[in-house]
């Protein structure tokens, strides 16, 4: 499962090409049974949960576009993260904006 998410995240990053817009080093790594994007050695995206400004996270959750991030069903909600379940529902430019915003949160 981790390889599948690693490949999907890497492919999405290639598609949206944000390297010129993020001045810090980017790296995709395996993360538990998935994959994550690290900016300057700090995680900012876990497939497909983005670290975003808290107000934006709340708006995305309130409108149903995202849901809160929990690693376990009875676990606590990871503050500051919005989880997107259907990556095909967003266009590449929207993903691009989320990745750039998230990279600025580290």
PDB file of N, CA and C in Angstrom:
ATOM      1  N   UNK A   1       0.825  -1.200   0.000  1.00  0.00           N
ATOM      2  CA  UNK A   1       0.000   0.000   0.000  1.00  0.00           C
ATOM      3  C   UNK A   1       0.863   1.255   0.000  1.00  0.00           C
ATOM      4  N   UNK A   2       1.960   1.252   0.762  1.00  0.00           N
ATOM      5  CA  UNK A   2       2.809   2.443   0.848  1.00  0.00           C
ATOM      6  C   UNK A   2       3.371   2.820  -0.521  1.00  0.00           C
ATOM      7  N   UNK A   3       3.777   1.846  -1.316  1.00  0.00           N
ATOM      8  CA  UNK A   3       4.327   2.134  -2.631  1.00  0.00           C
ATOM      9  C   UNK A   3       3.275   2.792  -3.530  1.00  0.00           C
ATOM     10  N   UNK A   4       2.037   2.320  -3.447  1.00  0.00           N
ATOM     11  CA  UNK A   4       0.959   2.900  -4.252  1.00  0.00           C
ATOM     12  C   UNK A   4       0.798   4.387  -3.937  1.00  0.00           C
ATOM     13  N   UNK A   5       0.748   4.739  -2.647  1.00  0.00           N
ATOM     14  CA  UNK A   5       0.587   6.139  -2.264  1.00  0.00           C
ATOM     15  C   UNK A   5       1.833   6.955  -2.580  1.00  0.00           C
ATOM     16  N   UNK A   6       2.989   6.364  -2.402  1.00  0.00           N
ATOM     17  CA  UNK A   6       4.240   7.024  -2.743  1.00  0.00           C
ATOM     18  C   UNK A   6       4.241   7.386  -4.228  1.00  0.00           C
ATOM     19  N   UNK A   7       3.868   6.424  -5.061  1.00  0.00           N
ATOM     20  CA  UNK A   7       3.831   6.661  -6.510  1.00  0.00           C
ATOM     21  C   UNK A   7       2.784   7.709  -6.880  1.00  0.00           C
ATOM     22  N   UNK A   8       1.604   7.638  -6.263  1.00  0.00           N
ATOM     23  CA  UNK A   8       0.545   8.613  -6.561  1.00  0.00           C
ATOM     24  C   UNK A   8       0.959  10.029  -6.154  1.00  0.00           C
ATOM     25  N   UNK A   9       1.526  10.159  -4.964  1.00  0.00           N
ATOM     26  CA  UNK A   9       1.950  11.473  -4.489  1.00  0.00           C
ATOM     27  C   UNK A   9       3.073  12.017  -5.365  1.00  0.00           C
ATOM     28  N   UNK A  10       4.038  11.179  -5.701  1.00  0.00           N
ATOM     29  CA  UNK A  10       5.139  11.603  -6.571  1.00  0.00           C
ATOM     30  C   UNK A  10       4.617  12.032  -7.936  1.00  0.00           C
ATOM     31  N   UNK A  11       3.696  11.274  -8.480  1.00  0.00           N
ATOM     32  CA  UNK A  11       3.116  11.592  -9.790  1.00  0.00           C
ATOM     33  C   UNK A  11       2.345  12.912  -9.752  1.00  0.00           C
ATOM     34  N   UNK A  12       1.559  13.099  -8.706  1.00  0.00           N
ATOM     35  CA  UNK A  12       0.799  14.344  -8.579  1.00  0.00           C
ATOM     36  C   UNK A  12       1.739  15.539  -8.475  1.00  0.00           C
ATOM     37  N   UNK A  13       2.806  15.405  -7.711  1.00  0.00           N
ATOM     38  CA  UNK A  13       3.780  16.488  -7.582  1.00  0.00           C
ATOM     39  C   UNK A  13       4.455  16.799  -8.918  1.00  0.00           C
ATOM     40  N   UNK A  14       4.753  15.770  -9.694  1.00  0.00           N
ATOM     41  CA  UNK A  14       5.331  16.005 -11.015  1.00  0.00           C
ATOM     42  C   UNK A  14       4.341  16.734 -11.906  1.00  0.00           C
ATOM     43  N   UNK A  15       3.090  16.345 -11.824  1.00  0.00           N
ATOM     44  CA  UNK A  15       2.046  16.944 -12.658  1.00  0.00           C
ATOM     45  C   UNK A  15       1.859  18.433 -12.359  1.00  0.00           C
ATOM     46  N   UNK A  16       1.872  18.799 -11.090  1.00  0.00           N
ATOM     47  CA  UNK A  16       1.609  20.204 -10.745  1.00  0.00           C
ATOM     48  C   UNK A  16       2.871  21.049 -10.692  1.00  0.00           C
ATOM     49  N   UNK A  17       4.049  20.418 -10.649  1.00  0.00           N
ATOM     50  CA  UNK A  17       5.336  21.099 -10.787  1.00  0.00           C
ATOM     51  C   UNK A  17       5.458  22.355  -9.914  1.00  0.00           C
ATOM     52  N   UNK A  18       5.649  22.150  -8.610  1.00  0.00           N
ATOM     53  CA  UNK A  18       5.752  23.291  -7.685  1.00  0.00           C
ATOM     54  C   UNK A  18       7.187  23.624  -7.286  1.00  0.00           C
ATOM     55  N   UNK A  19       8.160  22.893  -7.828  1.00  0.00           N
ATOM     56  CA  UNK A  19       9.551  23.081  -7.413  1.00  0.00           C
ATOM     57  C   UNK A  19      10.018  24.528  -7.560  1.00  0.00           C
ATOM     58  N   UNK A  20       9.552  25.227  -8.575  1.00  0.00           N
ATOM     59  CA  UNK A  20       9.970  26.614  -8.785  1.00  0.00           C
ATOM     60  C   UNK A  20       9.294  27.588  -7.826  1.00  0.00           C
ATOM     61  N   UNK A  21       8.246  27.142  -7.160  1.00  0.00           N
ATOM     62  CA  UNK A  21       7.489  28.027  -6.276  1.00  0.00           C
ATOM     63  C   UNK A  21       7.777  27.795  -4.798  1.00  0.00           C
ATOM     64  N   UNK A  22       8.492  26.740  -4.507  1.00  0.00           N
ATOM     65  CA  UNK A  22       8.862  26.432  -3.126  1.00  0.00           C
ATOM     66  C   UNK A  22      10.385  26.451  -3.066  1.00  0.00           C
ATOM     67  N   UNK A  23      10.923  27.367  -2.302  1.00  0.00           N
ATOM     68  CA  UNK A  23      12.374  27.555  -2.294  1.00  0.00           C
ATOM     69  C   UNK A  23      13.121  26.549  -1.414  1.00  0.00           C
ATOM     70  N   UNK A  24      12.405  25.825  -0.576  1.00  0.00           N
ATOM     71  CA  UNK A  24      13.032  24.856   0.319  1.00  0.00           C
ATOM     72  C   UNK A  24      13.046  23.471  -0.334  1.00  0.00           C
ATOM     73  N   UNK A  25      13.930  22.576   0.113  1.00  0.00           N
ATOM     74  CA  UNK A  25      14.004  21.230  -0.470  1.00  0.00           C
ATOM     75  C   UNK A  25      12.716  20.427  -0.261  1.00  0.00           C
ATOM     76  N   UNK A  26      12.251  19.764  -1.329  1.00  0.00           N
ATOM     77  CA  UNK A  26      11.068  18.906  -1.304  1.00  0.00           C
ATOM     78  C   UNK A  26      11.501  17.447  -1.386  1.00  0.00           C
ATOM     79  N   UNK A  27      10.816  16.587  -0.634  1.00  0.00           N
ATOM     80  CA  UNK A  27      11.126  15.157  -0.711  1.00  0.00           C
ATOM     81  C   UNK A  27       9.883  14.343  -0.360  1.00  0.00           C
ATOM     82  N   UNK A  28       9.581  13.359  -1.195  1.00  0.00           N
ATOM     83  CA  UNK A  28       8.501  12.423  -0.901  1.00  0.00           C
ATOM     84  C   UNK A  28       9.128  11.213  -0.222  1.00  0.00           C
ATOM     85  N   UNK A  29       8.528  10.806   0.909  1.00  0.00           N
ATOM     86  CA  UNK A  29       9.029   9.651   1.658  1.00  0.00           C
ATOM     87  C   UNK A  29       7.861   8.750   2.043  1.00  0.00           C
ATOM     88  N   UNK A  30       8.193   7.493   2.324  1.00  0.00           N
ATOM     89  CA  UNK A  30       7.191   6.578   2.866  1.00  0.00           C
ATOM     90  C   UNK A  30       6.843   7.066   4.272  1.00  0.00           C
ATOM     91  N   UNK A  31       5.566   6.966   4.622  1.00  0.00           N
ATOM     92  CA  UNK A  31       5.078   7.437   5.917  1.00  0.00           C
ATOM     93  C   UNK A  31       4.026   6.445   6.393  1.00  0.00           C
ATOM     94  N   UNK A  32       4.318   5.675   7.410  1.00  0.00           N
ATOM     95  CA  UNK A  32       3.455   4.584   7.875  1.00  0.00           C
ATOM     96  C   UNK A  32       3.097   3.718   6.679  1.00  0.00           C
ATOM     97  N   UNK A  33       1.814   3.540   6.385  1.00  0.00           N
ATOM     98  CA  UNK A  33       1.424   2.728   5.224  1.00  0.00           C
ATOM     99  C   UNK A  33       1.060   3.610   4.038  1.00  0.00           C
ATOM    100  N   UNK A  34       1.589   4.815   4.009  1.00  0.00           N
ATOM    101  CA  UNK A  34       1.308   5.742   2.926  1.00  0.00           C
ATOM    102  C   UNK A  34       2.550   6.479   2.491  1.00  0.00           C
ATOM    103  N   UNK A  35       2.360   7.737   2.148  1.00  0.00           N
ATOM    104  CA  UNK A  35       3.472   8.573   1.703  1.00  0.00           C
ATOM    105  C   UNK A  35       3.231   9.996   2.177  1.00  0.00           C
ATOM    106  N   UNK A  36       4.315  10.753   2.284  1.00  0.00           N
ATOM    107  CA  UNK A  36       4.210  12.132   2.750  1.00  0.00           C
ATOM    108  C   UNK A  36       5.199  13.010   2.002  1.00  0.00           C
ATOM    109  N   UNK A  37       4.857  14.283   1.909  1.00  0.00           N
ATOM    110  CA  UNK A  37       5.757  15.280   1.339  1.00  0.00           C
ATOM    111  C   UNK A  37       6.411  16.028   2.483  1.00  0.00           C
ATOM    112  N   UNK A  38       7.716  16.087   2.428  1.00  0.00           N
ATOM    113  CA  UNK A  38       8.491  16.839   3.407  1.00  0.00           C
ATOM    114  C   UNK A  38       9.073  18.062   2.719  1.00  0.00           C
ATOM    115  N   UNK A  39       8.988  19.188   3.387  1.00  0.00           N
ATOM    116  CA  UNK A  39       9.614  20.423   2.920  1.00  0.00           C
ATOM    117  C   UNK A  39      10.638  20.795   3.975  1.00  0.00           C
ATOM    118  N   UNK A  40      11.886  20.890   3.535  1.00  0.00           N
ATOM    119  CA  UNK A  40      12.980  21.203   4.458  1.00  0.00           C
ATOM    120  C   UNK A  40      12.991  20.236   5.649  1.00  0.00           C
ATOM    121  N   UNK A  41      12.751  18.950   5.363  1.00  0.00           N
ATOM    122  CA  UNK A  41      12.762  17.858   6.338  1.00  0.00           C
ATOM    123  C   UNK A  41      11.604  17.881   7.334  1.00  0.00           C
ATOM    124  N   UNK A  42      10.553  18.663   7.040  1.00  0.00           N
ATOM    125  CA  UNK A  42       9.375  18.736   7.900  1.00  0.00           C
ATOM    126  C   UNK A  42       8.158  18.322   7.090  1.00  0.00           C
ATOM    127  N   UNK A  43       7.342  17.430   7.648  1.00  0.00           N
ATOM    128  CA  UNK A  43       6.166  16.945   6.924  1.00  0.00           C
ATOM    129  C   UNK A  43       5.138  18.063   6.768  1.00  0.00           C
ATOM    130  N   UNK A  44       4.554  18.153   5.562  1.00  0.00           N
ATOM    131  CA  UNK A  44       3.490  19.128   5.356  1.00  0.00           C
ATOM    132  C   UNK A  44       2.284  18.507   4.656  1.00  0.00           C
ATOM    133  N   UNK A  45       2.461  17.361   3.990  1.00  0.00           N
ATOM    134  CA  UNK A  45       1.359  16.681   3.323  1.00  0.00           C
ATOM    135  C   UNK A  45       1.509  15.187   3.548  1.00  0.00           C
ATOM    136  N   UNK A  46       0.431  14.559   3.978  1.00  0.00           N
ATOM    137  CA  UNK A  46       0.360  13.113   4.076  1.00  0.00           C
ATOM    138  C   UNK A  46      -0.801  12.709   3.178  1.00  0.00           C
ATOM    139  N   UNK A  47      -0.599  11.835   2.273  1.00  0.00           N
ATOM    140  CA  UNK A  47      -1.571  11.550   1.189  1.00  0.00           C
ATOM    141  C   UNK A  47      -2.993  11.500   1.680  1.00  0.00           C
ATOM    142  N   UNK A  48      -3.849  12.230   1.289  1.00  0.00           N
ATOM    143  CA  UNK A  48      -3.886  13.605   0.856  1.00  0.00           C
ATOM    144  C   UNK A  48      -4.446  14.459   1.970  1.00  0.00           C
ATOM    145  N   UNK A  49      -3.700  14.598   3.004  1.00  0.00           N
ATOM    146  CA  UNK A  49      -4.028  15.471   4.115  1.00  0.00           C
ATOM    147  C   UNK A  49      -3.014  16.612   4.085  1.00  0.00           C
ATOM    148  N   UNK A  50      -3.524  17.828   4.026  1.00  0.00           N
ATOM    149  CA  UNK A  50      -2.667  19.000   3.893  1.00  0.00           C
ATOM    150  C   UNK A  50      -2.656  19.817   5.167  1.00  0.00           C
ATOM    151  N   UNK A  51      -1.486  20.262   5.554  1.00  0.00           N
ATOM    152  CA  UNK A  51      -1.360  21.210   6.660  1.00  0.00           C
ATOM    153  C   UNK A  51      -1.654  22.580   6.074  1.00  0.00           C
ATOM    154  N   UNK A  52      -2.747  23.178   6.528  1.00  0.00           N
ATOM    155  CA  UNK A  52      -3.200  24.464   6.001  1.00  0.00           C
ATOM    156  C   UNK A  52      -3.524  25.389   7.170  1.00  0.00           C
ATOM    157  N   UNK A  53      -3.702  26.671   6.906  1.00  0.00           N
ATOM    158  CA  UNK A  53      -4.118  27.576   7.980  1.00  0.00           C
ATOM    159  C   UNK A  53      -5.421  27.078   8.618  1.00  0.00           C
ATOM    160  N   UNK A  54      -5.503  27.166   9.930  1.00  0.00           N
ATOM    161  CA  UNK A  54      -6.632  26.601  10.679  1.00  0.00           C
ATOM    162  C   UNK A  54      -7.989  27.085  10.148  1.00  0.00           C
ATOM    163  N   UNK A  55      -8.113  28.359   9.817  1.00  0.00           N
ATOM    164  CA  UNK A  55      -9.387  28.880   9.320  1.00  0.00           C
ATOM    165  C   UNK A  55      -9.767  28.221   7.999  1.00  0.00           C
ATOM    166  N   UNK A  56      -8.801  28.020   7.121  1.00  0.00           N
ATOM    167  CA  UNK A  56      -9.075  27.356   5.847  1.00  0.00           C
ATOM    168  C   UNK A  56      -9.478  25.899   6.066  1.00  0.00           C
ATOM    169  N   UNK A  57      -8.814  25.227   7.012  1.00  0.00           N
ATOM    170  CA  UNK A  57      -9.167  23.843   7.335  1.00  0.00           C
ATOM    171  C   UNK A  57     -10.623  23.782   7.783  1.00  0.00           C
ATOM    172  N   UNK A  58     -11.019  24.673   8.683  1.00  0.00           N
ATOM    173  CA  UNK A  58     -12.395  24.672   9.187  1.00  0.00           C
ATOM    174  C   UNK A  58     -13.395  24.935   8.073  1.00  0.00           C
ATOM    175  N   UNK A  59     -13.088  25.859   7.172  1.00  0.00           N
ATOM    176  CA  UNK A  59     -13.988  26.148   6.051  1.00  0.00           C
ATOM    177  C   UNK A  59     -14.140  24.926   5.145  1.00  0.00           C
ATOM    178  N   UNK A  60     -13.031  24.247   4.846  1.00  0.00           N
ATOM    179  CA  UNK A  60     -13.080  23.065   3.992  1.00  0.00           C
ATOM    180  C   UNK A  60     -13.881  21.941   4.644  1.00  0.00           C
ATOM    181  N   UNK A  61     -13.724  21.766   5.942  1.00  0.00           N
ATOM    182  CA  UNK A  61     -14.474  20.739   6.665  1.00  0.00           C
ATOM    183  C   UNK A  61     -15.950  21.117   6.741  1.00  0.00           C
ATOM    184  N   UNK A  62     -16.234  22.380   7.062  1.00  0.00           N
ATOM    185  CA  UNK A  62     -17.622  22.837   7.183  1.00  0.00           C
ATOM    186  C   UNK A  62     -18.395  22.728   5.874  1.00  0.00           C
ATOM    187  N   UNK A  63     -17.714  22.937   4.743  1.00  0.00           N
ATOM    188  CA  UNK A  63     -18.382  22.846   3.441  1.00  0.00           C
ATOM    189  C   UNK A  63     -18.428  21.421   2.907  1.00  0.00           C
ATOM    190  N   UNK A  64     -17.772  20.481   3.592  1.00  0.00           N
ATOM    191  CA  UNK A  64     -17.777  19.092   3.161  1.00  0.00           C
ATOM    192  C   UNK A  64     -16.735  18.768   2.103  1.00  0.00           C
ATOM    193  N   UNK A  65     -15.878  19.725   1.770  1.00  0.00           N
ATOM    194  CA  UNK A  65     -14.831  19.467   0.776  1.00  0.00           C
ATOM    195  C   UNK A  65     -13.713  18.585   1.346  1.00  0.00           C
ATOM    196  N   UNK A  66     -13.537  18.629   2.648  1.00  0.00           N
ATOM    197  CA  UNK A  66     -12.509  17.830   3.316  1.00  0.00           C
ATOM    198  C   UNK A  66     -13.090  17.341   4.628  1.00  0.00           C
ATOM    199  N   UNK A  67     -12.332  16.477   5.270  1.00  0.00           N
ATOM    200  CA  UNK A  67     -12.766  16.029   6.595  1.00  0.00           C
ATOM    201  C   UNK A  67     -11.576  16.114   7.541  1.00  0.00           C
ATOM    202  N   UNK A  68     -11.827  16.059   8.835  1.00  0.00           N
ATOM    203  CA  UNK A  68     -10.719  16.123   9.790  1.00  0.00           C
ATOM    204  C   UNK A  68      -9.794  14.921   9.629  1.00  0.00           C
ATOM    205  N   UNK A  69      -8.531  15.108   9.933  1.00  0.00           N
ATOM    206  CA  UNK A  69      -7.558  14.026   9.850  1.00  0.00           C
ATOM    207  C   UNK A  69      -7.460  13.329  11.200  1.00  0.00           C
ATOM    208  N   UNK A  70      -7.685  12.007  11.191  1.00  0.00           N
ATOM    209  CA  UNK A  70      -7.476  11.143  12.352  1.00  0.00           C
ATOM    210  C   UNK A  70      -6.711   9.940  11.846  1.00  0.00           C
ATOM    211  N   UNK A  71      -5.674   9.541  12.569  1.00  0.00           N
ATOM    212  CA  UNK A  71      -4.916   8.369  12.161  1.00  0.00           C
ATOM    213  C   UNK A  71      -5.578   7.071  12.585  1.00  0.00           C
ATOM    214  N   UNK A  72      -6.418   7.140  13.624  1.00  0.00           N
ATOM    215  CA  UNK A  72      -7.113   5.969  14.122  1.00  0.00           C
ATOM    216  C   UNK A  72      -8.557   6.358  14.375  1.00  0.00           C
ATOM    217  N   UNK A  73      -9.520   5.442  14.193  1.00  0.00           N
ATOM    218  CA  UNK A  73     -10.932   5.787  14.360  1.00  0.00           C
ATOM    219  C   UNK A  73     -11.265   6.496  15.667  1.00  0.00           C
ATOM    220  N   UNK A  74     -10.653   6.067  16.762  1.00  0.00           N
ATOM    221  CA  UNK A  74     -10.944   6.697  18.057  1.00  0.00           C
ATOM    222  C   UNK A  74      -9.844   7.670  18.470  1.00  0.00           C
ATOM    223  N   UNK A  75      -8.946   7.966  17.546  1.00  0.00           N
ATOM    224  CA  UNK A  75      -7.845   8.878  17.840  1.00  0.00           C
ATOM    225  C   UNK A  75      -8.285  10.334  17.824  1.00  0.00           C
ATOM    226  N   UNK A  76      -7.380  11.190  18.248  1.00  0.00           N
ATOM    227  CA  UNK A  76      -7.691  12.618  18.267  1.00  0.00           C
ATOM    228  C   UNK A  76      -7.568  13.206  16.854  1.00  0.00           C
ATOM    229  N   UNK A  77      -8.235  14.320  16.639  1.00  0.00           N
ATOM    230  CA  UNK A  77      -8.168  15.019  15.361  1.00  0.00           C
ATOM    231  C   UNK A  77      -6.853  15.771  15.298  1.00  0.00           C
ATOM    232  N   UNK A  78      -6.148  15.609  14.209  1.00  0.00           N
ATOM    233  CA  UNK A  78      -4.870  16.303  13.996  1.00  0.00           C
ATOM    234  C   UNK A  78      -5.188  17.740  13.569  1.00  0.00           C
ATOM    235  N   UNK A  79      -4.953  18.665  14.453  1.00  0.00           N
ATOM    236  CA  UNK A  79      -5.263  20.076  14.197  1.00  0.00           C
ATOM    237  C   UNK A  79      -4.454  20.624  13.035  1.00  0.00           C
ATOM    238  N   UNK A  80      -5.091  21.458  12.246  1.00  0.00           N
ATOM    239  CA  UNK A  80      -4.406  22.136  11.156  1.00  0.00           C
ATOM    240  C   UNK A  80      -4.291  21.330   9.874  1.00  0.00           C
ATOM    241  N   UNK A  81      -4.956  20.164   9.810  1.00  0.00           N
ATOM    242  CA  UNK A  81      -4.900  19.327   8.614  1.00  0.00           C
ATOM    243  C   UNK A  81      -6.295  19.113   8.052  1.00  0.00           C
ATOM    244  N   UNK A  82      -6.385  19.170   6.710  1.00  0.00           N
ATOM    245  CA  UNK A  82      -7.617  18.848   5.995  1.00  0.00           C
ATOM    246  C   UNK A  82      -7.341  17.599   5.159  1.00  0.00           C
ATOM    247  N   UNK A  83      -8.215  16.604   5.269  1.00  0.00           N
ATOM    248  CA  UNK A  83      -8.050  15.347   4.547  1.00  0.00           C
ATOM    249  C   UNK A  83      -9.011  15.323   3.362  1.00  0.00           C
ATOM    250  N   UNK A  84      -8.450  15.086   2.188  1.00  0.00           N
ATOM    251  CA  UNK A  84      -9.242  14.978   0.965  1.00  0.00           C
ATOM    252  C   UNK A  84      -9.278  13.519   0.555  1.00  0.00           C
ATOM    253  N   UNK A  85     -10.477  12.981   0.367  1.00  0.00           N
ATOM    254  CA  UNK A  85     -10.609  11.561   0.070  1.00  0.00           C
ATOM    255  C   UNK A  85     -10.691  11.250  -1.417  1.00  0.00           C
ATOM    256  N   UNK A  86     -11.120  12.175  -2.227  1.00  0.00           N
ATOM    257  CA  UNK A  86     -11.319  11.924  -3.646  1.00  0.00           C
ATOM    258  C   UNK A  86     -10.433  12.842  -4.481  1.00  0.00           C
ATOM    259  N   UNK A  87      -9.183  12.439  -4.695  1.00  0.00           N
ATOM    260  CA  UNK A  87      -8.255  13.324  -5.397  1.00  0.00           C
ATOM    261  C   UNK A  87      -8.691  13.685  -6.807  1.00  0.00           C
ATOM    262  N   UNK A  88      -9.492  12.854  -7.432  1.00  0.00           N
ATOM    263  CA  UNK A  88      -9.930  13.155  -8.792  1.00  0.00           C
ATOM    264  C   UNK A  88     -10.990  14.251  -8.842  1.00  0.00           C
ATOM    265  N   UNK A  89     -11.559  14.611  -7.686  1.00  0.00           N
ATOM    266  CA  UNK A  89     -12.580  15.656  -7.644  1.00  0.00           C
ATOM    267  C   UNK A  89     -12.003  17.063  -7.776  1.00  0.00           C
ATOM    268  N   UNK A  90     -10.713  17.220  -7.606  1.00  0.00           N
ATOM    269  CA  UNK A  90     -10.077  18.534  -7.666  1.00  0.00           C
ATOM    270  C   UNK A  90      -9.245  18.627  -8.935  1.00  0.00           C
ATOM    271  N   UNK A  91      -9.185  19.831  -9.481  1.00  0.00           N
ATOM    272  CA  UNK A  91      -8.347  20.015 -10.664  1.00  0.00           C
ATOM    273  C   UNK A  91      -6.902  20.240 -10.227  1.00  0.00           C
ATOM    274  N   UNK A  92      -5.940  20.041 -11.123  1.00  0.00           N
ATOM    275  CA  UNK A  92      -4.524  20.184 -10.762  1.00  0.00           C
ATOM    276  C   UNK A  92      -4.166  21.550 -10.170  1.00  0.00           C
ATOM    277  N   UNK A  93      -4.805  22.609 -10.618  1.00  0.00           N
ATOM    278  CA  UNK A  93      -4.490  23.933 -10.071  1.00  0.00           C
ATOM    279  C   UNK A  93      -4.904  24.060  -8.614  1.00  0.00           C
ATOM    280  N   UNK A  94      -6.000  23.408  -8.237  1.00  0.00           N
ATOM    281  CA  UNK A  94      -6.417  23.431  -6.829  1.00  0.00           C
ATOM    282  C   UNK A  94      -5.412  22.672  -5.984  1.00  0.00           C
ATOM    283  N   UNK A  95      -4.976  21.493  -6.468  1.00  0.00           N
ATOM    284  CA  UNK A  95      -3.954  20.744  -5.747  1.00  0.00           C
ATOM    285  C   UNK A  95      -2.678  21.569  -5.624  1.00  0.00           C
ATOM    286  N   UNK A  96      -2.309  22.239  -6.693  1.00  0.00           N
ATOM    287  CA  UNK A  96      -1.106  23.082  -6.708  1.00  0.00           C
ATOM    288  C   UNK A  96      -1.170  24.113  -5.583  1.00  0.00           C
ATOM    289  N   UNK A  97      -2.315  24.777  -5.457  1.00  0.00           N
ATOM    290  CA  UNK A  97      -2.487  25.795  -4.420  1.00  0.00           C
ATOM    291  C   UNK A  97      -2.367  25.179  -3.024  1.00  0.00           C
ATOM    292  N   UNK A  98      -2.996  24.016  -2.819  1.00  0.00           N
ATOM    293  CA  UNK A  98      -2.906  23.355  -1.509  1.00  0.00           C
ATOM    294  C   UNK A  98      -1.474  22.972  -1.181  1.00  0.00           C
ATOM    295  N   UNK A  99      -0.741  22.423  -2.150  1.00  0.00           N
ATOM    296  CA  UNK A  99       0.654  22.039  -1.911  1.00  0.00           C
ATOM    297  C   UNK A  99       1.509  23.271  -1.565  1.00  0.00           C
ATOM    298  N   UNK A 100       1.335  24.348  -2.316  1.00  0.00           N
ATOM    299  CA  UNK A 100       2.131  25.561  -2.065  1.00  0.00           C
ATOM    300  C   UNK A 100       1.787  26.154  -0.703  1.00  0.00           C
ATOM    301  N   UNK A 101       0.493  26.226  -0.387  1.00  0.00           N
ATOM    302  CA  UNK A 101       0.075  26.754   0.918  1.00  0.00           C
ATOM    303  C   UNK A 101       0.613  25.877   2.040  1.00  0.00           C
ATOM    304  N   UNK A 102       0.503  24.571   1.869  1.00  0.00           N
ATOM    305  CA  UNK A 102       0.962  23.637   2.893  1.00  0.00           C
ATOM    306  C   UNK A 102       2.470  23.740   3.111  1.00  0.00           C
ATOM    307  N   UNK A 103       3.219  23.878   2.032  1.00  0.00           N
ATOM    308  CA  UNK A 103       4.677  23.979   2.167  1.00  0.00           C
ATOM    309  C   UNK A 103       5.063  25.243   2.925  1.00  0.00           C
ATOM    310  N   UNK A 104       4.239  26.268   2.864  1.00  0.00           N
ATOM    311  CA  UNK A 104       4.514  27.498   3.592  1.00  0.00           C
ATOM    312  C   UNK A 104       4.178  27.402   5.073  1.00  0.00           C
ATOM    313  N   UNK A 105       3.531  26.321   5.488  1.00  0.00           N
ATOM    314  CA  UNK A 105       3.147  26.148   6.889  1.00  0.00           C
ATOM    315  C   UNK A 105       4.238  25.522   7.736  1.00  0.00           C
ATOM    316  N   UNK A 106       5.307  25.065   7.100  1.00  0.00           N
ATOM    317  CA  UNK A 106       6.391  24.406   7.869  1.00  0.00           C
ATOM    318  C   UNK A 106       7.425  25.403   8.338  1.00  0.00           C
TER     319      UNK A 106
END
